[in-house]
Amino acid sequence: MKYETLSRSEENEHGIVSVREIVSILKHVADNTTRVALYYLDGSYFVMTTLLGVSDTGLWLEQGANDHDNKRIVECDNLTFVSTHLNVKVQFVARQARSVKYEGYSAFHLPLPKCIYRLQRRENFRLDIPSAKPLRCIIPTGQPKSVPPREVALMDISAGGMKLTYTEGDIELVQGQTYENCQLKLPDVGTINIAMIVRSLFSLPTKSGQVIKRAGCQFINLDGASNILLQRYINSMQRLKNDS
């Protein structure tokens, strides 16, 4: 969980200033006991800790076992908090920590940040496809027209590609091969046409004797309109996940 130095444009893109949303994100981190890296001395050192609690005015982090580190953190006027929220990195800067007790724990108290950064890199973020709302890719077989295209289930998807899962015999994908004129039907968004190249293949034998295959695929030259629809779908699914 390394902190990132952000440009002004990145700060504007990823910054969250709503107190309600900041508290909600940090409470999720606390409730899930997600690990936190607290950097100090201009990022030269850090400790791993846990977020104990959050209020509308501040938050409490558990102190470490090393008293020397704890003392340096309290004396430092530039701290960086880094953790994850729903598999997306979050970070913010705090100017000073106070040494306090919180529900019996030795803790650092930080004022609630005025802005936090949720660093969801759109080109890298991969959305897991929920089983309740499956997504399928229609892939032409390249065989005579009498042979219909195959529908293959997705495990995850991003702006740059997707992971497919299928049973051996359903379709035979070849690593390194390009597949054109494929279709993705995005619920409540629309259908996009894609070309893709298979970058990786993995086989998983099951107890029943079936072989499950996984294929990591990269989109090729996804056009602007299709990219917008795909991002709209990813954003809508992520909002549903956040609200659940």
C-alpha atoms as a PDB file:
ATOM      1  CA  MET A   1       0.000   0.000   0.000  1.00  0.00           C
ATOM      2  CA  LYS A   2       2.409   2.643  -1.213  1.00  0.00           C
ATOM      3  CA  TYR A   3       1.213   6.220  -1.252  1.00  0.00           C
ATOM      4  CA  GLU A   4       1.041   8.087  -4.555  1.00  0.00           C
ATOM      5  CA  THR A   5       2.107  11.624  -5.401  1.00  0.00           C
ATOM      6  CA  LEU A   6      -0.740  13.195  -7.347  1.00  0.00           C
ATOM      7  CA  SER A   7      -0.770  15.936  -9.953  1.00  0.00           C
ATOM      8  CA  ARG A   8      -3.307  18.748  -9.673  1.00  0.00           C
ATOM      9  CA  SER A   9      -5.466  17.172 -12.381  1.00  0.00           C
ATOM     10  CA  GLU A  10      -5.380  13.808 -10.559  1.00  0.00           C
ATOM     11  CA  GLU A  11      -6.378  15.505  -7.315  1.00  0.00           C
ATOM     12  CA  ASN A  12      -9.358  17.061  -9.077  1.00  0.00           C
ATOM     13  CA  GLU A  13     -10.312  13.737 -10.676  1.00  0.00           C
ATOM     14  CA  HIS A  14     -10.007  11.507  -7.619  1.00  0.00           C
ATOM     15  CA  GLY A  15     -10.743  13.890  -4.745  1.00  0.00           C
ATOM     16  CA  ILE A  16     -13.785  13.419  -2.485  1.00  0.00           C
ATOM     17  CA  VAL A  17     -14.793  16.387  -0.307  1.00  0.00           C
ATOM     18  CA  SER A  18     -18.251  15.371   0.926  1.00  0.00           C
ATOM     19  CA  VAL A  19     -18.039  14.846   4.710  1.00  0.00           C
ATOM     20  CA  ARG A  20     -20.782  12.240   4.537  1.00  0.00           C
ATOM     21  CA  GLU A  21     -18.962  10.259   1.842  1.00  0.00           C
ATOM     22  CA  ILE A  22     -15.587  10.563   3.565  1.00  0.00           C
ATOM     23  CA  VAL A  23     -17.053   9.236   6.820  1.00  0.00           C
ATOM     24  CA  SER A  24     -18.832   6.425   4.976  1.00  0.00           C
ATOM     25  CA  ILE A  25     -15.643   5.279   3.221  1.00  0.00           C
ATOM     26  CA  LEU A  26     -13.535   5.424   6.388  1.00  0.00           C
ATOM     27  CA  LYS A  27     -16.187   3.606   8.445  1.00  0.00           C
ATOM     28  CA  HIS A  28     -16.174   0.837   5.839  1.00  0.00           C
ATOM     29  CA  VAL A  29     -12.385   0.588   6.252  1.00  0.00           C
ATOM     30  CA  ALA A  30     -12.799   0.401  10.040  1.00  0.00           C
ATOM     31  CA  ASP A  31     -15.698  -2.069   9.997  1.00  0.00           C
ATOM     32  CA  ASN A  32     -13.755  -4.449   7.755  1.00  0.00           C
ATOM     33  CA  THR A  33     -10.529  -4.084   9.800  1.00  0.00           C
ATOM     34  CA  THR A  34      -8.730  -3.246   6.565  1.00  0.00           C
ATOM     35  CA  ARG A  35      -5.030  -2.640   7.128  1.00  0.00           C
ATOM     36  CA  VAL A  36      -3.756   0.926   6.997  1.00  0.00           C
ATOM     37  CA  ALA A  37      -0.277   2.204   6.167  1.00  0.00           C
ATOM     38  CA  LEU A  38       0.569   5.446   7.962  1.00  0.00           C
ATOM     39  CA  TYR A  39       3.555   7.208   6.392  1.00  0.00           C
ATOM     40  CA  TYR A  40       5.595   9.840   8.239  1.00  0.00           C
ATOM     41  CA  LEU A  41       8.791  11.904   7.842  1.00  0.00           C
ATOM     42  CA  ASP A  42       7.955  12.834   4.236  1.00  0.00           C
ATOM     43  CA  GLY A  43       7.084   9.247   3.390  1.00  0.00           C
ATOM     44  CA  SER A  44      10.466   7.872   4.419  1.00  0.00           C
ATOM     45  CA  TYR A  45       8.947   5.575   7.059  1.00  0.00           C
ATOM     46  CA  PHE A  46       5.599   3.951   7.695  1.00  0.00           C
ATOM     47  CA  VAL A  47       3.792   1.732  10.190  1.00  0.00           C
ATOM     48  CA  MET A  48       0.981  -0.738   9.550  1.00  0.00           C
ATOM     49  CA  THR A  49      -2.022  -0.110  11.737  1.00  0.00           C
ATOM     50  CA  THR A  50      -5.800  -0.474  12.042  1.00  0.00           C
ATOM     51  CA  LEU A  51      -8.530   2.146  11.916  1.00  0.00           C
ATOM     52  CA  LEU A  52     -10.359   1.836  15.240  1.00  0.00           C
ATOM     53  CA  GLY A  53     -13.151   4.363  14.812  1.00  0.00           C
ATOM     54  CA  VAL A  54     -14.471   7.318  12.832  1.00  0.00           C
ATOM     55  CA  SER A  55     -16.649  10.309  13.694  1.00  0.00           C
ATOM     56  CA  ASP A  56     -17.766  13.428  11.845  1.00  0.00           C
ATOM     57  CA  THR A  57     -14.752  15.271  13.239  1.00  0.00           C
ATOM     58  CA  GLY A  58     -11.930  12.735  13.377  1.00  0.00           C
ATOM     59  CA  LEU A  59     -10.616   9.196  13.367  1.00  0.00           C
ATOM     60  CA  TRP A  60      -8.588   6.926  15.628  1.00  0.00           C
ATOM     61  CA  LEU A  61      -5.740   4.643  14.548  1.00  0.00           C
ATOM     62  CA  GLU A  62      -4.197   1.994  16.767  1.00  0.00           C
ATOM     63  CA  GLN A  63      -0.661   2.793  17.895  1.00  0.00           C
ATOM     64  CA  GLY A  64       2.148   0.322  17.249  1.00  0.00           C
ATOM     65  CA  ALA A  65       4.293  -1.589  19.718  1.00  0.00           C
ATOM     66  CA  ASN A  66       7.357   0.561  19.006  1.00  0.00           C
ATOM     67  CA  ASP A  67       7.267   3.621  21.265  1.00  0.00           C
ATOM     68  CA  HIS A  68       9.997   5.336  19.243  1.00  0.00           C
ATOM     69  CA  ASP A  69       7.892   5.141  16.057  1.00  0.00           C
ATOM     70  CA  ASN A  70       4.795   6.331  17.925  1.00  0.00           C
ATOM     71  CA  LYS A  71       6.693   9.342  19.279  1.00  0.00           C
ATOM     72  CA  ARG A  72       8.015  10.298  15.844  1.00  0.00           C
ATOM     73  CA  ILE A  73       4.514  10.047  14.363  1.00  0.00           C
ATOM     74  CA  VAL A  74       3.083  12.392  17.017  1.00  0.00           C
ATOM     75  CA  GLU A  75       5.917  14.860  16.422  1.00  0.00           C
ATOM     76  CA  CYS A  76       5.518  14.745  12.630  1.00  0.00           C
ATOM     77  CA  ASP A  77       3.457  17.446  10.900  1.00  0.00           C
ATOM     78  CA  ASN A  78       3.004  15.598   7.597  1.00  0.00           C
ATOM     79  CA  LEU A  79       1.369  12.156   7.661  1.00  0.00           C
ATOM     80  CA  THR A  80      -0.125  10.143   4.798  1.00  0.00           C
ATOM     81  CA  PHE A  81      -2.895   7.608   5.383  1.00  0.00           C
ATOM     82  CA  VAL A  82      -3.176   4.794   2.796  1.00  0.00           C
ATOM     83  CA  SER A  83      -5.693   1.942   2.770  1.00  0.00           C
ATOM     84  CA  THR A  84      -8.241   0.321   0.450  1.00  0.00           C
ATOM     85  CA  HIS A  85     -11.998   0.636   0.065  1.00  0.00           C
ATOM     86  CA  LEU A  86     -13.767  -2.004  -2.045  1.00  0.00           C
ATOM     87  CA  ASN A  87     -10.397  -2.965  -3.568  1.00  0.00           C
ATOM     88  CA  VAL A  88      -9.637   0.643  -4.510  1.00  0.00           C
ATOM     89  CA  LYS A  89      -6.757   2.565  -2.894  1.00  0.00           C
ATOM     90  CA  VAL A  90      -7.697   5.518  -0.684  1.00  0.00           C
ATOM     91  CA  GLN A  91      -5.286   8.043   0.769  1.00  0.00           C
ATOM     92  CA  PHE A  92      -5.181  11.454   2.402  1.00  0.00           C
ATOM     93  CA  VAL A  93      -2.721  13.765   4.134  1.00  0.00           C
ATOM     94  CA  ALA A  94      -2.975  14.746   7.813  1.00  0.00           C
ATOM     95  CA  ARG A  95      -0.957  17.486   9.448  1.00  0.00           C
ATOM     96  CA  GLN A  96      -0.684  16.136  12.980  1.00  0.00           C
ATOM     97  CA  ALA A  97      -1.672  13.223  15.181  1.00  0.00           C
ATOM     98  CA  ARG A  98      -2.421  13.304  18.908  1.00  0.00           C
ATOM     99  CA  SER A  99      -1.691  10.428  21.266  1.00  0.00           C
ATOM    100  CA  VAL A 100      -4.964   9.454  23.005  1.00  0.00           C
ATOM    101  CA  LYS A 101      -6.858   6.490  24.432  1.00  0.00           C
ATOM    102  CA  TYR A 102      -9.723   5.002  22.425  1.00  0.00           C
ATOM    103  CA  GLU A 103     -11.840   2.291  24.032  1.00  0.00           C
ATOM    104  CA  GLY A 104      -8.829   1.128  26.027  1.00  0.00           C
ATOM    105  CA  TYR A 105      -6.407   1.204  23.077  1.00  0.00           C
ATOM    106  CA  SER A 106      -3.429   3.527  22.726  1.00  0.00           C
ATOM    107  CA  ALA A 107      -4.360   5.441  19.597  1.00  0.00           C
ATOM    108  CA  PHE A 108      -3.488   8.268  17.247  1.00  0.00           C
ATOM    109  CA  HIS A 109      -6.264  10.779  16.743  1.00  0.00           C
ATOM    110  CA  LEU A 110      -6.366  12.546  13.365  1.00  0.00           C
ATOM    111  CA  PRO A 111      -8.802  15.304  12.393  1.00  0.00           C
ATOM    112  CA  LEU A 112     -11.286  14.201   9.739  1.00  0.00           C
ATOM    113  CA  PRO A 113      -9.651  15.080   6.390  1.00  0.00           C
ATOM    114  CA  LYS A 114     -11.272  17.756   4.273  1.00  0.00           C
ATOM    115  CA  CYS A 115     -10.471  15.698   1.178  1.00  0.00           C
ATOM    116  CA  ILE A 116      -9.557  12.084   0.515  1.00  0.00           C
ATOM    117  CA  TYR A 117      -8.478  10.518  -2.755  1.00  0.00           C
ATOM    118  CA  ARG A 118     -10.051   7.307  -4.009  1.00  0.00           C
ATOM    119  CA  LEU A 119      -7.515   6.213  -6.605  1.00  0.00           C
ATOM    120  CA  GLN A 120      -9.570   4.081  -8.915  1.00  0.00           C
ATOM    121  CA  ARG A 121      -7.439   3.901 -12.034  1.00  0.00           C
ATOM    122  CA  ARG A 122     -10.077   3.327 -14.683  1.00  0.00           C
ATOM    123  CA  GLU A 123      -7.718   1.605 -17.080  1.00  0.00           C
ATOM    124  CA  ASN A 124      -6.638  -0.895 -14.410  1.00  0.00           C
ATOM    125  CA  PHE A 125      -9.674  -1.346 -12.205  1.00  0.00           C
ATOM    126  CA  ARG A 126     -11.278  -4.754 -12.712  1.00  0.00           C
ATOM    127  CA  LEU A 127     -14.931  -5.257 -11.862  1.00  0.00           C
ATOM    128  CA  ASP A 128     -15.880  -8.727 -10.650  1.00  0.00           C
ATOM    129  CA  ILE A 129     -19.068  -9.819 -12.404  1.00  0.00           C
ATOM    130  CA  PRO A 130     -21.747 -10.699  -9.810  1.00  0.00           C
ATOM    131  CA  SER A 131     -23.428 -14.079 -10.279  1.00  0.00           C
ATOM    132  CA  ALA A 132     -26.817 -12.395  -9.836  1.00  0.00           C
ATOM    133  CA  LYS A 133     -26.145 -10.251 -12.925  1.00  0.00           C
ATOM    134  CA  PRO A 134     -24.059 -12.416 -15.265  1.00  0.00           C
ATOM    135  CA  LEU A 135     -22.354 -10.980 -18.316  1.00  0.00           C
ATOM    136  CA  ARG A 136     -21.566 -12.893 -21.492  1.00  0.00           C
ATOM    137  CA  CYS A 137     -19.443 -12.317 -24.568  1.00  0.00           C
ATOM    138  CA  ILE A 138     -20.667 -13.585 -27.924  1.00  0.00           C
ATOM    139  CA  ILE A 139     -17.701 -14.903 -29.901  1.00  0.00           C
ATOM    140  CA  PRO A 140     -17.927 -15.978 -33.578  1.00  0.00           C
ATOM    141  CA  THR A 141     -16.446 -19.439 -34.036  1.00  0.00           C
ATOM    142  CA  GLY A 142     -14.827 -18.682 -37.397  1.00  0.00           C
ATOM    143  CA  GLN A 143     -16.507 -21.810 -38.705  1.00  0.00           C
ATOM    144  CA  PRO A 144     -19.220 -22.046 -41.400  1.00  0.00           C
ATOM    145  CA  LYS A 145     -22.206 -19.750 -40.898  1.00  0.00           C
ATOM    146  CA  SER A 146     -24.330 -22.746 -39.969  1.00  0.00           C
ATOM    147  CA  VAL A 147     -22.332 -22.970 -36.708  1.00  0.00           C
ATOM    148  CA  PRO A 148     -23.683 -20.306 -34.322  1.00  0.00           C
ATOM    149  CA  PRO A 149     -21.420 -18.029 -32.250  1.00  0.00           C
ATOM    150  CA  ARG A 150     -20.617 -19.145 -28.714  1.00  0.00           C
ATOM    151  CA  GLU A 151     -21.675 -17.290 -25.575  1.00  0.00           C
ATOM    152  CA  VAL A 152     -18.933 -17.266 -22.960  1.00  0.00           C
ATOM    153  CA  ALA A 153     -19.336 -16.074 -19.353  1.00  0.00           C
ATOM    154  CA  LEU A 154     -17.208 -13.279 -17.906  1.00  0.00           C
ATOM    155  CA  MET A 155     -15.492 -13.409 -14.527  1.00  0.00           C
ATOM    156  CA  ASP A 156     -14.365  -9.780 -14.532  1.00  0.00           C
ATOM    157  CA  ILE A 157     -14.009  -6.813 -16.846  1.00  0.00           C
ATOM    158  CA  SER A 158     -12.076  -3.552 -17.081  1.00  0.00           C
ATOM    159  CA  ALA A 159     -11.636  -0.768 -19.614  1.00  0.00           C
ATOM    160  CA  GLY A 160      -8.742  -2.739 -21.071  1.00  0.00           C
ATOM    161  CA  GLY A 161      -9.978  -6.315 -21.169  1.00  0.00           C
ATOM    162  CA  MET A 162     -11.821  -9.160 -19.475  1.00  0.00           C
ATOM    163  CA  LYS A 163     -11.449 -12.658 -18.048  1.00  0.00           C
ATOM    164  CA  LEU A 164     -13.604 -15.397 -19.562  1.00  0.00           C
ATOM    165  CA  THR A 165     -14.554 -18.737 -18.051  1.00  0.00           C
ATOM    166  CA  TYR A 166     -15.887 -21.741 -19.937  1.00  0.00           C
ATOM    167  CA  THR A 167     -15.921 -25.538 -19.997  1.00  0.00           C
ATOM    168  CA  GLU A 168     -13.530 -27.373 -22.277  1.00  0.00           C
ATOM    169  CA  GLY A 169     -15.414 -28.245 -25.432  1.00  0.00           C
ATOM    170  CA  ASP A 170     -17.702 -25.204 -25.355  1.00  0.00           C
ATOM    171  CA  ILE A 171     -15.257 -23.212 -27.453  1.00  0.00           C
ATOM    172  CA  GLU A 172     -11.557 -23.513 -28.224  1.00  0.00           C
ATOM    173  CA  LEU A 173      -9.762 -20.229 -27.633  1.00  0.00           C
ATOM    174  CA  VAL A 174      -6.107 -20.009 -28.633  1.00  0.00           C
ATOM    175  CA  GLN A 175      -3.523 -17.967 -26.739  1.00  0.00           C
ATOM    176  CA  GLY A 176      -2.150 -15.161 -28.912  1.00  0.00           C
ATOM    177  CA  GLN A 177      -5.043 -15.328 -31.368  1.00  0.00           C
ATOM    178  CA  THR A 178      -7.214 -12.335 -32.218  1.00  0.00           C
ATOM    179  CA  TYR A 179     -11.006 -12.604 -32.292  1.00  0.00           C
ATOM    180  CA  GLU A 180     -12.970  -9.932 -34.105  1.00  0.00           C
ATOM    181  CA  ASN A 181     -16.671  -9.039 -34.325  1.00  0.00           C
ATOM    182  CA  CYS A 182     -17.360 -10.161 -30.758  1.00  0.00           C
ATOM    183  CA  GLN A 183     -20.274  -8.674 -28.840  1.00  0.00           C
ATOM    184  CA  LEU A 184     -20.769  -7.712 -25.215  1.00  0.00           C
ATOM    185  CA  LYS A 185     -24.315  -7.132 -24.024  1.00  0.00           C
ATOM    186  CA  LEU A 186     -24.141  -4.705 -21.110  1.00  0.00           C
ATOM    187  CA  PRO A 187     -27.394  -4.750 -19.093  1.00  0.00           C
ATOM    188  CA  ASP A 188     -29.215  -1.402 -18.961  1.00  0.00           C
ATOM    189  CA  VAL A 189     -26.429   0.163 -21.061  1.00  0.00           C
ATOM    190  CA  GLY A 190     -26.268  -1.372 -24.540  1.00  0.00           C
ATOM    191  CA  THR A 191     -24.331  -3.749 -26.760  1.00  0.00           C
ATOM    192  CA  ILE A 192     -20.780  -3.052 -27.867  1.00  0.00           C
ATOM    193  CA  ASN A 193     -18.752  -4.698 -30.626  1.00  0.00           C
ATOM    194  CA  ILE A 194     -15.192  -5.597 -29.725  1.00  0.00           C
ATOM    195  CA  ALA A 195     -12.045  -7.190 -31.064  1.00  0.00           C
ATOM    196  CA  MET A 196      -9.834  -8.968 -28.575  1.00  0.00           C
ATOM    197  CA  ILE A 197      -6.632 -10.960 -28.277  1.00  0.00           C
ATOM    198  CA  VAL A 198      -6.228 -13.876 -25.865  1.00  0.00           C
ATOM    199  CA  ARG A 199      -3.253 -13.063 -23.638  1.00  0.00           C
ATOM    200  CA  SER A 200      -3.391 -15.986 -21.195  1.00  0.00           C
ATOM    201  CA  LEU A 201      -5.051 -19.384 -20.754  1.00  0.00           C
ATOM    202  CA  PHE A 202      -5.407 -21.487 -17.648  1.00  0.00           C
ATOM    203  CA  SER A 203      -7.012 -24.938 -17.185  1.00  0.00           C
ATOM    204  CA  LEU A 204      -8.598 -26.134 -13.948  1.00  0.00           C
ATOM    205  CA  PRO A 205      -9.602 -29.825 -13.722  1.00  0.00           C
ATOM    206  CA  THR A 206     -12.635 -30.581 -11.514  1.00  0.00           C
ATOM    207  CA  LYS A 207     -13.512 -33.663  -9.458  1.00  0.00           C
ATOM    208  CA  SER A 208     -16.219 -34.564 -11.993  1.00  0.00           C
ATOM    209  CA  GLY A 209     -13.618 -34.811 -14.734  1.00  0.00           C
ATOM    210  CA  GLN A 210     -14.604 -31.589 -16.473  1.00  0.00           C
ATOM    211  CA  VAL A 211     -11.941 -29.043 -17.304  1.00  0.00           C
ATOM    212  CA  ILE A 212     -12.760 -25.393 -16.587  1.00  0.00           C
ATOM    213  CA  LYS A 213     -10.774 -22.877 -18.594  1.00  0.00           C
ATOM    214  CA  ARG A 214      -9.944 -19.237 -17.896  1.00  0.00           C
ATOM    215  CA  ALA A 215      -8.925 -16.849 -20.656  1.00  0.00           C
ATOM    216  CA  GLY A 216      -7.459 -13.399 -20.043  1.00  0.00           C
ATOM    217  CA  CYS A 217      -8.336 -11.199 -23.023  1.00  0.00           C
ATOM    218  CA  GLN A 218      -7.241  -7.714 -24.027  1.00  0.00           C
ATOM    219  CA  PHE A 219      -9.458  -5.379 -26.041  1.00  0.00           C
ATOM    220  CA  ILE A 220      -7.996  -4.132 -29.321  1.00  0.00           C
ATOM    221  CA  ASN A 221      -8.619  -0.522 -30.386  1.00  0.00           C
ATOM    222  CA  LEU A 222     -11.893  -0.104 -28.509  1.00  0.00           C
ATOM    223  CA  ASP A 223     -13.643   2.862 -30.104  1.00  0.00           C
ATOM    224  CA  GLY A 224     -14.697   5.919 -28.142  1.00  0.00           C
ATOM    225  CA  ALA A 225     -18.443   5.212 -28.093  1.00  0.00           C
ATOM    226  CA  SER A 226     -17.917   1.618 -26.925  1.00  0.00           C
ATOM    227  CA  ASN A 227     -15.457   2.751 -24.265  1.00  0.00           C
ATOM    228  CA  ILE A 228     -18.011   5.230 -22.909  1.00  0.00           C
ATOM    229  CA  LEU A 229     -20.705   2.531 -22.694  1.00  0.00           C
ATOM    230  CA  LEU A 230     -18.307   0.110 -21.026  1.00  0.00           C
ATOM    231  CA  GLN A 231     -17.212   2.690 -18.469  1.00  0.00           C
ATOM    232  CA  ARG A 232     -20.849   3.568 -17.810  1.00  0.00           C
ATOM    233  CA  TYR A 233     -21.578  -0.081 -17.068  1.00  0.00           C
ATOM    234  CA  ILE A 234     -18.541  -0.439 -14.754  1.00  0.00           C
ATOM    235  CA  ASN A 235     -19.462   2.750 -12.883  1.00  0.00           C
ATOM    236  CA  SER A 236     -23.103   1.722 -12.433  1.00  0.00           C
ATOM    237  CA  MET A 237     -22.145  -1.716 -11.120  1.00  0.00           C
ATOM    238  CA  GLN A 238     -19.605  -0.222  -8.760  1.00  0.00           C
ATOM    239  CA  ARG A 239     -22.224   2.198  -7.377  1.00  0.00           C
ATOM    240  CA  LEU A 240     -24.603  -0.698  -6.757  1.00  0.00           C
ATOM    241  CA  LYS A 241     -21.815  -2.530  -4.935  1.00  0.00           C
ATOM    242  CA  ASN A 242     -21.031   0.535  -2.827  1.00  0.00           C
ATOM    243  CA  ASP A 243     -24.692   0.965  -1.873  1.00  0.00           C
ATOM    244  CA  SER A 244     -25.207  -2.672  -0.891  1.00  0.00           C
END
